Amino acid sequence: MTLKFAIAILVAGAAVAPAAAAPSRDPAAAVRTLETVSQISPRDGGVAIELAAAYQRAGRAADANTALRRALTLDNAMLETPTGDAVWSHQVAKRALARDVALTAR
């Protein structure tokens, strides 16, 4: 699975296995991998977005929201969707957080 696909799915509101962890089917392994990548690239907003997706897949919603909020404080990375569209990591984080707020308000 590519980063492009993971970002597009996250924007659409579904949790997927992030690119750095693919093809692992173990959500905990994906989280561990991306936590390590995040330590290596601590300013990369795209990695924070992937980590949020991994947390979601592992059923760690609070950690996913924390990673999304953290992504907003990091470098705004340009990401690419499967259709070739460009999207900023801050835009992805804002959309995902807004979706979560809308779901909890119901």
PDB file of N, CA and C in Angstrom:
ATOM      1  N   MET A   1       0.857  -1.161   0.000  1.00  0.00           N
ATOM      2  CA  MET A   1       0.000   0.000   0.000  1.00  0.00           C
ATOM      3  C   MET A   1       0.907   1.227   0.000  1.00  0.00           C
ATOM      4  N   THR A   2       0.579   2.215  -0.762  1.00  0.00           N
ATOM      5  CA  THR A   2       1.419   3.398  -0.836  1.00  0.00           C
ATOM      6  C   THR A   2       0.925   4.478   0.101  1.00  0.00           C
ATOM      7  N   LEU A   3       1.814   5.426   0.385  1.00  0.00           N
ATOM      8  CA  LEU A   3       1.440   6.574   1.207  1.00  0.00           C
ATOM      9  C   LEU A   3       0.281   7.309   0.568  1.00  0.00           C
ATOM     10  N   LYS A   4       0.295   7.412  -0.755  1.00  0.00           N
ATOM     11  CA  LYS A   4      -0.783   8.102  -1.460  1.00  0.00           C
ATOM     12  C   LYS A   4      -2.129   7.475  -1.127  1.00  0.00           C
ATOM     13  N   PHE A   5      -2.190   6.162  -1.166  1.00  0.00           N
ATOM     14  CA  PHE A   5      -3.445   5.466  -0.896  1.00  0.00           C
ATOM     15  C   PHE A   5      -3.867   5.647   0.558  1.00  0.00           C
ATOM     16  N   ALA A   6      -2.913   5.542   1.478  1.00  0.00           N
ATOM     17  CA  ALA A   6      -3.235   5.683   2.899  1.00  0.00           C
ATOM     18  C   ALA A   6      -3.785   7.065   3.204  1.00  0.00           C
ATOM     19  N   ILE A   7      -3.204   8.084   2.616  1.00  0.00           N
ATOM     20  CA  ILE A   7      -3.668   9.447   2.852  1.00  0.00           C
ATOM     21  C   ILE A   7      -5.065   9.636   2.296  1.00  0.00           C
ATOM     22  N   ALA A   8      -5.323   9.147   1.101  1.00  0.00           N
ATOM     23  CA  ALA A   8      -6.649   9.305   0.498  1.00  0.00           C
ATOM     24  C   ALA A   8      -7.711   8.612   1.332  1.00  0.00           C
ATOM     25  N   ILE A   9      -7.405   7.442   1.856  1.00  0.00           N
ATOM     26  CA  ILE A   9      -8.367   6.727   2.673  1.00  0.00           C
ATOM     27  C   ILE A   9      -8.602   7.454   3.987  1.00  0.00           C
ATOM     28  N   LEU A  10      -7.528   7.982   4.586  1.00  0.00           N
ATOM     29  CA  LEU A  10      -7.690   8.727   5.833  1.00  0.00           C
ATOM     30  C   LEU A  10      -8.574   9.954   5.610  1.00  0.00           C
ATOM     31  N   VAL A  11      -8.356  10.645   4.514  1.00  0.00           N
ATOM     32  CA  VAL A  11      -9.178  11.820   4.202  1.00  0.00           C
ATOM     33  C   VAL A  11     -10.625  11.405   4.030  1.00  0.00           C
ATOM     34  N   ALA A  12     -10.839  10.251   3.444  1.00  0.00           N
ATOM     35  CA  ALA A  12     -12.201   9.766   3.225  1.00  0.00           C
ATOM     36  C   ALA A  12     -12.855   9.293   4.521  1.00  0.00           C
ATOM     37  N   GLY A  13     -12.050   9.137   5.556  1.00  0.00           N
ATOM     38  CA  GLY A  13     -12.619   8.800   6.856  1.00  0.00           C
ATOM     39  C   GLY A  13     -12.430   7.361   7.288  1.00  0.00           C
ATOM     40  N   ALA A  14     -11.717   6.567   6.532  1.00  0.00           N
ATOM     41  CA  ALA A  14     -11.504   5.170   6.905  1.00  0.00           C
ATOM     42  C   ALA A  14     -10.070   5.001   7.384  1.00  0.00           C
ATOM     43  N   ALA A  15      -9.862   4.048   8.257  1.00  0.00           N
ATOM     44  CA  ALA A  15      -8.513   3.758   8.727  1.00  0.00           C
ATOM     45  C   ALA A  15      -7.917   2.651   7.878  1.00  0.00           C
ATOM     46  N   VAL A  16      -6.653   2.811   7.514  1.00  0.00           N
ATOM     47  CA  VAL A  16      -5.973   1.814   6.702  1.00  0.00           C
ATOM     48  C   VAL A  16      -4.591   1.564   7.274  1.00  0.00           C
ATOM     49  N   ALA A  17      -3.968   0.500   6.798  1.00  0.00           N
ATOM     50  CA  ALA A  17      -2.583   0.245   7.172  1.00  0.00           C
ATOM     51  C   ALA A  17      -1.707   1.257   6.464  1.00  0.00           C
ATOM     52  N   PRO A  18      -0.837   1.949   7.179  1.00  0.00           N
ATOM     53  CA  PRO A  18       0.007   2.948   6.568  1.00  0.00           C
ATOM     54  C   PRO A  18       1.085   2.342   5.692  1.00  0.00           C
ATOM     55  N   ALA A  19       1.621   3.175   4.819  1.00  0.00           N
ATOM     56  CA  ALA A  19       2.591   2.724   3.828  1.00  0.00           C
ATOM     57  C   ALA A  19       3.848   2.151   4.466  1.00  0.00           C
ATOM     58  N   ALA A  20       4.374   2.818   5.480  1.00  0.00           N
ATOM     59  CA  ALA A  20       5.626   2.375   6.069  1.00  0.00           C
ATOM     60  C   ALA A  20       5.503   1.005   6.729  1.00  0.00           C
ATOM     61  N   ALA A  21       4.291   0.630   7.094  1.00  0.00           N
ATOM     62  CA  ALA A  21       4.098  -0.643   7.767  1.00  0.00           C
ATOM     63  C   ALA A  21       3.632  -1.752   6.839  1.00  0.00           C
ATOM     64  N   ALA A  22       3.238  -1.431   5.630  1.00  0.00           N
ATOM     65  CA  ALA A  22       2.723  -2.428   4.702  1.00  0.00           C
ATOM     66  C   ALA A  22       3.813  -3.422   4.370  1.00  0.00           C
ATOM     67  N   PRO A  23       3.514  -4.663   4.117  1.00  0.00           N
ATOM     68  CA  PRO A  23       2.183  -5.254   4.070  1.00  0.00           C
ATOM     69  C   PRO A  23       1.756  -5.889   5.384  1.00  0.00           C
ATOM     70  N   SER A  24       2.294  -5.440   6.490  1.00  0.00           N
ATOM     71  CA  SER A  24       1.958  -6.006   7.795  1.00  0.00           C
ATOM     72  C   SER A  24       0.457  -6.000   8.039  1.00  0.00           C
ATOM     73  N   ARG A  25      -0.045  -7.110   8.545  1.00  0.00           N
ATOM     74  CA  ARG A  25      -1.453  -7.195   8.904  1.00  0.00           C
ATOM     75  C   ARG A  25      -1.622  -7.025  10.414  1.00  0.00           C
ATOM     76  N   ASP A  26      -0.523  -6.770  11.086  1.00  0.00           N
ATOM     77  CA  ASP A  26      -0.523  -6.603  12.535  1.00  0.00           C
ATOM     78  C   ASP A  26      -0.526  -5.111  12.865  1.00  0.00           C
ATOM     79  N   PRO A  27      -1.663  -4.579  13.317  1.00  0.00           N
ATOM     80  CA  PRO A  27      -1.741  -3.144  13.610  1.00  0.00           C
ATOM     81  C   PRO A  27      -0.707  -2.689  14.641  1.00  0.00           C
ATOM     82  N   ALA A  28      -0.427  -3.515  15.635  1.00  0.00           N
ATOM     83  CA  ALA A  28       0.560  -3.140  16.652  1.00  0.00           C
ATOM     84  C   ALA A  28       1.953  -3.018  16.039  1.00  0.00           C
ATOM     85  N   ALA A  29       2.282  -3.894  15.099  1.00  0.00           N
ATOM     86  CA  ALA A  29       3.581  -3.823  14.424  1.00  0.00           C
ATOM     87  C   ALA A  29       3.671  -2.559  13.578  1.00  0.00           C
ATOM     88  N   ALA A  30       2.564  -2.193  12.918  1.00  0.00           N
ATOM     89  CA  ALA A  30       2.542  -0.976  12.117  1.00  0.00           C
ATOM     90  C   ALA A  30       2.766   0.245  13.003  1.00  0.00           C
ATOM     91  N   VAL A  31       2.132   0.251  14.159  1.00  0.00           N
ATOM     92  CA  VAL A  31       2.306   1.368  15.099  1.00  0.00           C
ATOM     93  C   VAL A  31       3.765   1.458  15.536  1.00  0.00           C
ATOM     94  N   ARG A  32       4.352   0.326  15.919  1.00  0.00           N
ATOM     95  CA  ARG A  32       5.752   0.331  16.365  1.00  0.00           C
ATOM     96  C   ARG A  32       6.670   0.848  15.264  1.00  0.00           C
ATOM     97  N   THR A  33       6.454   0.391  14.040  1.00  0.00           N
ATOM     98  CA  THR A  33       7.280   0.829  12.912  1.00  0.00           C
ATOM     99  C   THR A  33       7.164   2.337  12.710  1.00  0.00           C
ATOM    100  N   LEU A  34       5.939   2.834  12.714  1.00  0.00           N
ATOM    101  CA  LEU A  34       5.744   4.259  12.460  1.00  0.00           C
ATOM    102  C   LEU A  34       6.177   5.131  13.630  1.00  0.00           C
ATOM    103  N   GLU A  35       6.098   4.628  14.828  1.00  0.00           N
ATOM    104  CA  GLU A  35       6.643   5.375  15.962  1.00  0.00           C
ATOM    105  C   GLU A  35       8.151   5.536  15.800  1.00  0.00           C
ATOM    106  N   THR A  36       8.814   4.491  15.305  1.00  0.00           N
ATOM    107  CA  THR A  36      10.258   4.569  15.045  1.00  0.00           C
ATOM    108  C   THR A  36      10.548   5.556  13.926  1.00  0.00           C
ATOM    109  N   VAL A  37       9.783   5.481  12.843  1.00  0.00           N
ATOM    110  CA  VAL A  37       9.963   6.420  11.723  1.00  0.00           C
ATOM    111  C   VAL A  37       9.744   7.848  12.200  1.00  0.00           C
ATOM    112  N   SER A  38       8.764   8.038  13.068  1.00  0.00           N
ATOM    113  CA  SER A  38       8.476   9.365  13.610  1.00  0.00           C
ATOM    114  C   SER A  38       9.650   9.902  14.430  1.00  0.00           C
ATOM    115  N   GLN A  39      10.344   9.029  15.127  1.00  0.00           N
ATOM    116  CA  GLN A  39      11.521   9.455  15.891  1.00  0.00           C
ATOM    117  C   GLN A  39      12.669   9.832  14.959  1.00  0.00           C
ATOM    118  N   ILE A  40      12.750   9.157  13.827  1.00  0.00           N
ATOM    119  CA  ILE A  40      13.806   9.440  12.854  1.00  0.00           C
ATOM    120  C   ILE A  40      13.522  10.750  12.118  1.00  0.00           C
ATOM    121  N   SER A  41      12.242  11.002  11.824  1.00  0.00           N
ATOM    122  CA  SER A  41      11.815  12.206  11.097  1.00  0.00           C
ATOM    123  C   SER A  41      10.796  12.968  11.946  1.00  0.00           C
ATOM    124  N   PRO A  42      11.244  13.578  13.039  1.00  0.00           N
ATOM    125  CA  PRO A  42      10.295  14.164  13.989  1.00  0.00           C
ATOM    126  C   PRO A  42       9.528  15.377  13.483  1.00  0.00           C
ATOM    127  N   ARG A  43       9.953  16.030  12.423  1.00  0.00           N
ATOM    128  CA  ARG A  43       9.269  17.221  11.910  1.00  0.00           C
ATOM    129  C   ARG A  43       8.373  16.917  10.718  1.00  0.00           C
ATOM    130  N   ASP A  44       8.285  15.665  10.286  1.00  0.00           N
ATOM    131  CA  ASP A  44       7.538  15.284   9.081  1.00  0.00           C
ATOM    132  C   ASP A  44       6.056  15.099   9.383  1.00  0.00           C
ATOM    133  N   GLY A  45       5.231  16.031   8.910  1.00  0.00           N
ATOM    134  CA  GLY A  45       3.795  15.948   9.119  1.00  0.00           C
ATOM    135  C   GLY A  45       3.166  14.745   8.430  1.00  0.00           C
ATOM    136  N   GLY A  46       3.738  14.312   7.318  1.00  0.00           N
ATOM    137  CA  GLY A  46       3.220  13.140   6.615  1.00  0.00           C
ATOM    138  C   GLY A  46       3.363  11.872   7.438  1.00  0.00           C
ATOM    139  N   VAL A  47       4.464  11.742   8.145  1.00  0.00           N
ATOM    140  CA  VAL A  47       4.669  10.583   9.013  1.00  0.00           C
ATOM    141  C   VAL A  47       3.650  10.605  10.149  1.00  0.00           C
ATOM    142  N   ALA A  48       3.373  11.789  10.677  1.00  0.00           N
ATOM    143  CA  ALA A  48       2.372  11.898  11.746  1.00  0.00           C
ATOM    144  C   ALA A  48       0.997  11.469  11.247  1.00  0.00           C
ATOM    145  N   ILE A  49       0.680  11.783  10.001  1.00  0.00           N
ATOM    146  CA  ILE A  49      -0.601  11.371   9.413  1.00  0.00           C
ATOM    147  C   ILE A  49      -0.645   9.845   9.296  1.00  0.00           C
ATOM    148  N   GLU A  50       0.442   9.258   8.831  1.00  0.00           N
ATOM    149  CA  GLU A  50       0.498   7.795   8.728  1.00  0.00           C
ATOM    150  C   GLU A  50       0.379   7.143  10.102  1.00  0.00           C
ATOM    151  N   LEU A  51       1.044   7.731  11.085  1.00  0.00           N
ATOM    152  CA  LEU A  51       0.977   7.191  12.440  1.00  0.00           C
ATOM    153  C   LEU A  51      -0.454   7.274  12.975  1.00  0.00           C
ATOM    154  N   ALA A  52      -1.147   8.359  12.678  1.00  0.00           N
ATOM    155  CA  ALA A  52      -2.551   8.490  13.089  1.00  0.00           C
ATOM    156  C   ALA A  52      -3.396   7.379  12.476  1.00  0.00           C
ATOM    157  N   ALA A  53      -3.159   7.087  11.209  1.00  0.00           N
ATOM    158  CA  ALA A  53      -3.908   6.007  10.546  1.00  0.00           C
ATOM    159  C   ALA A  53      -3.602   4.662  11.192  1.00  0.00           C
ATOM    160  N   ALA A  54      -2.338   4.450  11.566  1.00  0.00           N
ATOM    161  CA  ALA A  54      -1.960   3.194  12.218  1.00  0.00           C
ATOM    162  C   ALA A  54      -2.618   3.084  13.587  1.00  0.00           C
ATOM    163  N   TYR A  55      -2.649   4.179  14.323  1.00  0.00           N
ATOM    164  CA  TYR A  55      -3.322   4.174  15.625  1.00  0.00           C
ATOM    165  C   TYR A  55      -4.815   3.862  15.452  1.00  0.00           C
ATOM    166  N   GLN A  56      -5.438   4.453  14.459  1.00  0.00           N
ATOM    167  CA  GLN A  56      -6.858   4.172  14.211  1.00  0.00           C
ATOM    168  C   GLN A  56      -7.066   2.693  13.947  1.00  0.00           C
ATOM    169  N   ARG A  57      -6.230   2.143  13.107  1.00  0.00           N
ATOM    170  CA  ARG A  57      -6.356   0.726  12.755  1.00  0.00           C
ATOM    171  C   ARG A  57      -6.146  -0.169  13.972  1.00  0.00           C
ATOM    172  N   ALA A  58      -5.319   0.284  14.908  1.00  0.00           N
ATOM    173  CA  ALA A  58      -5.050  -0.490  16.120  1.00  0.00           C
ATOM    174  C   ALA A  58      -6.109  -0.241  17.193  1.00  0.00           C
ATOM    175  N   GLY A  59      -7.103   0.579  16.881  1.00  0.00           N
ATOM    176  CA  GLY A  59      -8.164   0.852  17.834  1.00  0.00           C
ATOM    177  C   GLY A  59      -7.773   1.856  18.906  1.00  0.00           C
ATOM    178  N   ARG A  60      -6.793   2.669  18.601  1.00  0.00           N
ATOM    179  CA  ARG A  60      -6.289   3.659  19.553  1.00  0.00           C
ATOM    180  C   ARG A  60      -6.715   5.063  19.105  1.00  0.00           C
ATOM    181  N   ALA A  61      -8.009   5.335  19.223  1.00  0.00           N
ATOM    182  CA  ALA A  61      -8.580   6.589  18.710  1.00  0.00           C
ATOM    183  C   ALA A  61      -7.980   7.823  19.382  1.00  0.00           C
ATOM    184  N   ALA A  62      -7.781   7.775  20.679  1.00  0.00           N
ATOM    185  CA  ALA A  62      -7.216   8.940  21.375  1.00  0.00           C
ATOM    186  C   ALA A  62      -5.800   9.235  20.877  1.00  0.00           C
ATOM    187  N   ASP A  63      -5.002   8.181  20.685  1.00  0.00           N
ATOM    188  CA  ASP A  63      -3.647   8.370  20.159  1.00  0.00           C
ATOM    189  C   ASP A  63      -3.688   8.885  18.723  1.00  0.00           C
ATOM    190  N   ALA A  64      -4.654   8.413  17.946  1.00  0.00           N
ATOM    191  CA  ALA A  64      -4.801   8.891  16.565  1.00  0.00           C
ATOM    192  C   ALA A  64      -5.099  10.383  16.558  1.00  0.00           C
ATOM    193  N   ASN A  65      -6.005  10.819  17.420  1.00  0.00           N
ATOM    194  CA  ASN A  65      -6.332  12.246  17.484  1.00  0.00           C
ATOM    195  C   ASN A  65      -5.129  13.067  17.943  1.00  0.00           C
ATOM    196  N   THR A  66      -4.362  12.541  18.876  1.00  0.00           N
ATOM    197  CA  THR A  66      -3.156  13.229  19.329  1.00  0.00           C
ATOM    198  C   THR A  66      -2.160  13.368  18.180  1.00  0.00           C
ATOM    199  N   ALA A  67      -1.987  12.300  17.404  1.00  0.00           N
ATOM    200  CA  ALA A  67      -1.068  12.343  16.259  1.00  0.00           C
ATOM    201  C   ALA A  67      -1.551  13.338  15.209  1.00  0.00           C
ATOM    202  N   LEU A  68      -2.854  13.407  14.998  1.00  0.00           N
ATOM    203  CA  LEU A  68      -3.394  14.369  14.033  1.00  0.00           C
ATOM    204  C   LEU A  68      -3.169  15.800  14.513  1.00  0.00           C
ATOM    205  N   ARG A  69      -3.403  16.051  15.799  1.00  0.00           N
ATOM    206  CA  ARG A  69      -3.154  17.389  16.342  1.00  0.00           C
ATOM    207  C   ARG A  69      -1.665  17.729  16.265  1.00  0.00           C
ATOM    208  N   ARG A  70      -0.831  16.746  16.511  1.00  0.00           N
ATOM    209  CA  ARG A  70       0.618  16.958  16.404  1.00  0.00           C
ATOM    210  C   ARG A  70       1.016  17.263  14.968  1.00  0.00           C
ATOM    211  N   ALA A  71       0.390  16.605  13.998  1.00  0.00           N
ATOM    212  CA  ALA A  71       0.696  16.845  12.583  1.00  0.00           C
ATOM    213  C   ALA A  71       0.504  18.314  12.224  1.00  0.00           C
ATOM    214  N   LEU A  72      -0.455  18.958  12.872  1.00  0.00           N
ATOM    215  CA  LEU A  72      -0.711  20.374  12.597  1.00  0.00           C
ATOM    216  C   LEU A  72       0.418  21.278  13.084  1.00  0.00           C
ATOM    217  N   THR A  73       1.246  20.791  13.998  1.00  0.00           N
ATOM    218  CA  THR A  73       2.363  21.586  14.516  1.00  0.00           C
ATOM    219  C   THR A  73       3.666  21.300  13.777  1.00  0.00           C
ATOM    220  N   LEU A  74       3.650  20.296  12.925  1.00  0.00           N
ATOM    221  CA  LEU A  74       4.855  19.880  12.207  1.00  0.00           C
ATOM    222  C   LEU A  74       4.903  20.505  10.820  1.00  0.00           C
ATOM    223  N   ASP A  75       5.980  20.210  10.096  1.00  0.00           N
ATOM    224  CA  ASP A  75       6.105  20.697   8.731  1.00  0.00           C
ATOM    225  C   ASP A  75       4.909  20.234   7.912  1.00  0.00           C
ATOM    226  N   ASN A  76       4.364  21.131   7.128  1.00  0.00           N
ATOM    227  CA  ASN A  76       3.208  20.847   6.281  1.00  0.00           C
ATOM    228  C   ASN A  76       3.702  20.153   5.016  1.00  0.00           C
ATOM    229  N   ALA A  77       3.602  18.829   4.998  1.00  0.00           N
ATOM    230  CA  ALA A  77       4.132  18.025   3.899  1.00  0.00           C
ATOM    231  C   ALA A  77       3.110  17.889   2.783  1.00  0.00           C
ATOM    232  N   MET A  78       3.582  17.999   1.555  1.00  0.00           N
ATOM    233  CA  MET A  78       2.714  17.785   0.398  1.00  0.00           C
ATOM    234  C   MET A  78       2.595  16.282   0.173  1.00  0.00           C
ATOM    235  N   LEU A  79       1.367  15.800   0.122  1.00  0.00           N
ATOM    236  CA  LEU A  79       1.088  14.385  -0.075  1.00  0.00           C
ATOM    237  C   LEU A  79       0.325  14.230  -1.377  1.00  0.00           C
ATOM    238  N   GLU A  80       0.286  13.030  -1.893  1.00  0.00           N
ATOM    239  CA  GLU A  80      -0.400  12.771  -3.155  1.00  0.00           C
ATOM    240  C   GLU A  80      -1.445  11.675  -2.963  1.00  0.00           C
ATOM    241  N   THR A  81      -2.631  11.895  -3.522  1.00  0.00           N
ATOM    242  CA  THR A  81      -3.707  10.913  -3.455  1.00  0.00           C
ATOM    243  C   THR A  81      -3.552   9.907  -4.590  1.00  0.00           C
ATOM    244  N   PRO A  82      -4.296   8.814  -4.568  1.00  0.00           N
ATOM    245  CA  PRO A  82      -4.203   7.823  -5.646  1.00  0.00           C
ATOM    246  C   PRO A  82      -4.579   8.402  -7.014  1.00  0.00           C
ATOM    247  N   THR A  83      -5.388   9.439  -7.012  1.00  0.00           N
ATOM    248  CA  THR A  83      -5.788  10.043  -8.289  1.00  0.00           C
ATOM    249  C   THR A  83      -4.781  11.064  -8.778  1.00  0.00           C
ATOM    250  N   GLY A  84      -3.711  11.264  -8.007  1.00  0.00           N
ATOM    251  CA  GLY A  84      -2.675  12.195  -8.415  1.00  0.00           C
ATOM    252  C   GLY A  84      -2.874  13.605  -7.894  1.00  0.00           C
ATOM    253  N   ASP A  85      -3.930  13.806  -7.124  1.00  0.00           N
ATOM    254  CA  ASP A  85      -4.168  15.119  -6.548  1.00  0.00           C
ATOM    255  C   ASP A  85      -3.177  15.367  -5.413  1.00  0.00           C
ATOM    256  N   ALA A  86      -2.860  16.633  -5.206  1.00  0.00           N
ATOM    257  CA  ALA A  86      -1.971  16.999  -4.104  1.00  0.00           C
ATOM    258  C   ALA A  86      -2.811  17.444  -2.920  1.00  0.00           C
ATOM    259  N   VAL A  87      -2.356  17.090  -1.730  1.00  0.00           N
ATOM    260  CA  VAL A  87      -3.033  17.489  -0.508  1.00  0.00           C
ATOM    261  C   VAL A  87      -1.964  17.716   0.552  1.00  0.00           C
ATOM    262  N   TRP A  88      -2.150  18.745   1.351  1.00  0.00           N
ATOM    263  CA  TRP A  88      -1.205  19.057   2.420  1.00  0.00           C
ATOM    264  C   TRP A  88      -1.527  18.227   3.660  1.00  0.00           C
ATOM    265  N   SER A  89      -0.496  17.870   4.399  1.00  0.00           N
ATOM    266  CA  SER A  89      -0.701  17.080   5.616  1.00  0.00           C
ATOM    267  C   SER A  89      -1.577  17.832   6.618  1.00  0.00           C
ATOM    268  N   HIS A  90      -1.445  19.145   6.695  1.00  0.00           N
ATOM    269  CA  HIS A  90      -2.297  19.920   7.613  1.00  0.00           C
ATOM    270  C   HIS A  90      -3.768  19.824   7.204  1.00  0.00           C
ATOM    271  N   GLN A  91      -4.013  19.822   5.907  1.00  0.00           N
ATOM    272  CA  GLN A  91      -5.386  19.700   5.406  1.00  0.00           C
ATOM    273  C   GLN A  91      -5.968  18.334   5.782  1.00  0.00           C
ATOM    274  N   VAL A  92      -5.179  17.289   5.629  1.00  0.00           N
ATOM    275  CA  VAL A  92      -5.626  15.940   5.992  1.00  0.00           C
ATOM    276  C   VAL A  92      -5.952  15.884   7.479  1.00  0.00           C
ATOM    277  N   ALA A  93      -5.066  16.433   8.306  1.00  0.00           N
ATOM    278  CA  ALA A  93      -5.274  16.406   9.754  1.00  0.00           C
ATOM    279  C   ALA A  93      -6.535  17.177  10.144  1.00  0.00           C
ATOM    280  N   LYS A  94      -6.716  18.351   9.570  1.00  0.00           N
ATOM    281  CA  LYS A  94      -7.906  19.160   9.890  1.00  0.00           C
ATOM    282  C   LYS A  94      -9.187  18.426   9.510  1.00  0.00           C
ATOM    283  N   ARG A  95      -9.198  17.823   8.338  1.00  0.00           N
ATOM    284  CA  ARG A  95     -10.394  17.089   7.895  1.00  0.00           C
ATOM    285  C   ARG A  95     -10.685  15.902   8.800  1.00  0.00           C
ATOM    286  N   ALA A  96      -9.647  15.171   9.145  1.00  0.00           N
ATOM    287  CA  ALA A  96      -9.848  13.987   9.994  1.00  0.00           C
ATOM    288  C   ALA A  96     -10.320  14.402  11.387  1.00  0.00           C
ATOM    289  N   LEU A  97      -9.743  15.459  11.932  1.00  0.00           N
ATOM    290  CA  LEU A  97     -10.175  15.927  13.251  1.00  0.00           C
ATOM    291  C   LEU A  97     -11.600  16.463  13.212  1.00  0.00           C
ATOM    292  N   ALA A  98     -11.958  17.153  12.145  1.00  0.00           N
ATOM    293  CA  ALA A  98     -13.323  17.674  12.007  1.00  0.00           C
ATOM    294  C   ALA A  98     -14.321  16.528  11.897  1.00  0.00           C
ATOM    295  N   ARG A  99     -13.952  15.487  11.188  1.00  0.00           N
ATOM    296  CA  ARG A  99     -14.820  14.309  11.050  1.00  0.00           C
ATOM    297  C   ARG A  99     -15.020  13.659  12.401  1.00  0.00           C
ATOM    298  N   ASP A 100     -13.953  13.564  13.194  1.00  0.00           N
ATOM    299  CA  ASP A 100     -14.049  12.948  14.513  1.00  0.00           C
ATOM    300  C   ASP A 100     -14.964  13.771  15.426  1.00  0.00           C
ATOM    301  N   VAL A 101     -14.840  15.080  15.372  1.00  0.00           N
ATOM    302  CA  VAL A 101     -15.701  15.954  16.187  1.00  0.00           C
ATOM    303  C   VAL A 101     -17.156  15.783  15.776  1.00  0.00           C
ATOM    304  N   ALA A 102     -17.401  15.690  14.467  1.00  0.00           N
ATOM    305  CA  ALA A 102     -18.763  15.517  13.982  1.00  0.00           C
ATOM    306  C   ALA A 102     -19.341  14.183  14.450  1.00  0.00           C
ATOM    307  N   LEU A 103     -18.534  13.140  14.476  1.00  0.00           N
ATOM    308  CA  LEU A 103     -19.008  11.828  14.902  1.00  0.00           C
ATOM    309  C   LEU A 103     -19.306  11.809  16.398  1.00  0.00           C
ATOM    310  N   THR A 104     -18.483  12.463  17.201  1.00  0.00           N
ATOM    311  CA  THR A 104     -18.702  12.453  18.638  1.00  0.00           C
ATOM    312  C   THR A 104     -19.869  13.359  19.045  1.00  0.00           C
ATOM    313  N   ALA A 105     -20.218  14.299  18.175  1.00  0.00           N
ATOM    314  CA  ALA A 105     -21.321  15.203  18.476  1.00  0.00           C
ATOM    315  C   ALA A 105     -22.680  14.556  18.253  1.00  0.00           C
ATOM    316  N   ARG A 106     -22.707  13.424  17.603  1.00  0.00           N
ATOM    317  CA  ARG A 106     -23.980  12.757  17.304  1.00  0.00           C
ATOM    318  C   ARG A 106     -24.519  12.036  18.490  1.00  0.00           C
TER     319      ARG A 106
END
